Protein backbone atom coordinates (compact mmCIF):
# COMPACT_ATOMS: atom_id res chain seq x y z
CA MET A 1 -9.49 11.07 35.82
CA ASP A 2 -12.71 9.50 34.55
CA LEU A 3 -15.12 11.83 32.77
CA PRO A 4 -18.25 9.82 31.87
CA PHE A 5 -19.50 12.25 29.25
CA LEU A 6 -16.25 11.83 27.27
CA SER A 7 -16.58 8.06 27.04
CA LYS A 8 -20.16 8.44 25.77
CA TRP A 9 -19.05 11.00 23.18
CA ARG A 10 -16.28 8.70 21.96
CA LYS A 11 -18.74 5.84 21.45
CA ARG A 12 -21.05 7.99 19.32
CA ARG A 13 -18.42 8.88 16.76
CA GLU A 14 -18.97 7.13 13.50
CA THR A 15 -16.17 5.37 11.68
CA ALA A 16 -15.32 6.17 8.10
CA THR A 17 -17.39 4.27 5.57
CA ALA A 18 -15.54 5.00 2.36
CA VAL A 19 -12.51 6.59 0.84
CA ALA A 20 -12.72 9.75 -1.25
CA VAL A 21 -10.18 11.25 -3.60
CA PHE A 22 -10.66 14.71 -5.02
CA PRO A 23 -8.85 15.39 -8.28
CA ASP A 24 -7.20 18.71 -9.01
CA SER A 25 -9.45 21.25 -10.66
CA ASP A 26 -7.35 20.84 -13.84
CA SER A 27 -8.64 17.31 -14.24
CA ASP A 28 -11.97 17.58 -16.01
CA SER A 29 -12.23 13.95 -17.12
CA GLY A 30 -12.22 12.43 -13.65
CA ASP A 31 -9.74 9.80 -14.83
CA ALA A 32 -6.68 9.24 -12.70
CA ASP A 33 -3.69 9.33 -15.03
CA GLY A 34 -5.97 9.42 -18.04
CA GLY A 35 -6.87 5.80 -17.31
CA ALA A 36 -3.25 4.66 -17.62
CA GLY A 37 -3.13 3.53 -14.02
CA ARG A 38 0.54 4.29 -13.32
CA GLY A 39 1.81 7.05 -11.03
CA GLY A 40 -0.23 9.98 -9.72
CA TYR A 41 -3.51 8.95 -8.12
CA ALA A 42 -2.97 5.31 -9.05
CA ALA A 43 0.19 5.16 -6.93
CA LEU A 44 -1.58 6.85 -4.04
CA LEU A 45 -4.58 4.53 -4.25
CA GLY A 46 -2.28 1.49 -4.32
CA GLU A 47 -0.47 2.29 -1.05
CA CYS A 48 -2.93 0.47 1.25
CA GLU A 49 -0.71 0.70 4.34
CA LEU A 50 -3.03 -1.12 6.76
CA LEU A 51 -3.55 -4.05 4.38
CA ARG A 52 0.16 -4.22 3.62
CA SER A 53 1.00 -4.28 7.32
CA LEU A 54 -1.49 -7.06 8.00
CA ALA A 55 -0.30 -9.06 5.00
CA SER A 56 3.36 -8.61 5.93
CA ARG A 57 2.74 -9.91 9.46
CA ALA A 58 1.07 -12.97 7.93
CA GLY A 59 3.95 -13.52 5.48
CA VAL A 60 1.95 -12.50 2.40
CA ARG A 61 3.74 -10.42 -0.21
CA LEU A 62 1.54 -7.91 -2.00
CA ASP A 63 3.15 -7.68 -5.42
CA HIS A 64 0.14 -6.40 -7.41
CA THR A 65 -0.60 -9.80 -8.96
CA PRO A 66 -3.77 -11.89 -8.94
CA ALA A 67 -1.85 -14.50 -6.93
CA SER A 68 -1.50 -11.99 -4.09
CA LEU A 69 -5.29 -11.64 -4.04
CA GLU A 70 -5.56 -15.40 -3.61
CA ALA A 71 -3.08 -15.23 -0.74
CA LEU A 72 -5.13 -12.50 0.96
CA ASP A 73 -8.23 -14.68 0.64
CA GLN A 74 -6.44 -17.36 2.68
CA LEU A 75 -5.71 -15.10 5.67
CA VAL A 76 -7.46 -15.87 8.95
CA PRO A 77 -9.87 -12.93 9.35
CA ARG A 78 -8.87 -11.85 12.86
CA TRP A 79 -9.57 -8.23 11.91
CA ARG A 80 -13.33 -8.87 12.11
CA ASP A 81 -13.06 -8.58 15.89
CA ASP A 82 -11.92 -4.96 15.60
CA GLU A 83 -14.86 -2.82 14.52
CA GLU A 84 -12.70 0.30 14.18
CA MET A 85 -10.20 -1.36 11.87
CA LEU A 86 -12.77 -3.17 9.73
CA PRO A 87 -13.88 -0.30 7.45
CA TRP A 88 -10.30 0.92 6.94
CA LEU A 89 -9.08 -2.56 6.07
CA GLY A 90 -12.03 -2.95 3.71
CA ASN A 91 -11.11 0.30 1.97
CA ASP A 92 -7.51 -0.86 1.63
CA ALA A 93 -8.57 -4.26 0.32
CA GLY A 94 -10.78 -2.63 -2.30
CA LEU A 95 -8.10 -0.19 -3.37
CA TYR A 96 -5.56 -3.00 -3.60
CA LEU A 97 -8.01 -5.06 -5.68
CA GLY A 98 -8.45 -2.05 -7.96
CA THR A 99 -4.69 -1.60 -8.22
CA VAL A 100 -4.25 -5.23 -9.30
CA VAL A 101 -7.04 -4.85 -11.88
CA VAL A 102 -5.59 -1.61 -13.28
CA ARG A 103 -2.13 -3.14 -13.57
CA THR A 104 -3.16 -6.46 -15.11
CA VAL A 105 -6.41 -6.02 -17.06
CA PRO A 106 -5.92 -4.32 -20.43
CA GLY A 107 -7.84 -1.06 -20.76
CA ALA A 108 -8.69 -0.78 -17.04
CA GLY A 109 -8.03 2.50 -15.24
CA TRP A 110 -9.02 4.49 -12.20
CA ARG A 111 -11.88 6.95 -12.47
CA ILE A 112 -12.67 9.41 -9.71
CA LEU A 113 -16.41 10.06 -9.51
CA PRO A 114 -17.63 13.62 -8.88
CA GLU A 115 -18.24 12.87 -5.19
CA GLY A 116 -14.60 11.76 -4.87
CA ARG A 117 -15.17 7.99 -4.87
CA PRO A 118 -12.62 5.95 -6.84
CA VAL A 119 -13.90 3.23 -9.15
CA VAL A 120 -12.20 1.09 -11.76
CA ARG A 121 -13.39 1.69 -15.30
CA LEU A 122 -12.97 -1.22 -17.68
CA ALA A 123 -12.35 -0.97 -21.42
CA SER A 124 -16.02 -1.89 -21.95
CA GLY A 125 -17.05 1.24 -20.01
CA ARG A 126 -18.29 -0.75 -17.02
CA GLU A 127 -17.35 0.80 -13.69
CA VAL A 128 -16.60 -1.38 -10.68
CA ASP A 129 -16.86 -0.05 -7.12
CA VAL A 130 -13.81 -1.91 -5.83
CA VAL A 131 -13.96 -0.21 -2.41
CA LEU A 132 -17.42 -1.66 -1.85
CA GLU A 133 -16.11 -5.08 -2.92
CA GLY A 134 -13.18 -4.76 -0.50
CA ARG A 135 -15.42 -3.75 2.39
CA THR A 136 -17.72 -6.71 1.74
CA TRP A 137 -14.72 -9.03 1.67
CA ALA A 138 -13.34 -7.61 4.92
CA MET A 139 -16.69 -7.97 6.69
CA THR A 140 -17.86 -11.34 5.35
CA GLY A 141 -15.05 -12.94 3.36
CA SER A 142 -17.34 -13.36 0.41
CA PRO A 143 -16.95 -12.88 -2.43
CA GLU A 144 -13.24 -13.58 -2.31
CA LEU A 145 -10.98 -10.92 -3.78
CA PHE A 146 -9.61 -13.30 -6.39
CA GLN A 147 -13.14 -14.27 -7.43
CA VAL A 148 -14.04 -10.60 -7.94
CA TYR A 149 -10.82 -10.12 -9.91
CA ALA A 150 -11.59 -13.16 -12.12
CA GLU A 151 -15.09 -11.83 -12.89
CA ILE A 152 -13.68 -8.41 -13.76
CA ALA A 153 -10.89 -9.87 -15.93
CA GLU A 154 -13.42 -11.95 -17.90
CA ALA A 155 -15.57 -8.95 -18.78
């Protein structure tokens, strides 16, 4: 049964544009795991199921290393044809980038901003919106994830 008004309603729905994480009320610092980056929110943020599925199908192993970021940069961006998947993949790419940074850059840790947006805070105090970086990579391919990682690691 074809109901024209339903198809128009479905087209008007907006897709998600970001990921939000709301810390427990006990957490007054906004830091996930006190900046340690292991377990808790950090484990949740590092799941990235859509990205992992895509990478697995392409034979790329996501092992939380900078080399895995380079491998992701080499994937053929077939996902750009799917407007619904694009923002979700971008979120996953950004969260995975952040996970690699937190695990490999000394002093880096997750910080949950008051509006629920996760960022990576570096030892210098600089905060990097890795989700925005991931979304840009998913949409345009530039800058590459490894390039963003290298710039963050230098700071």
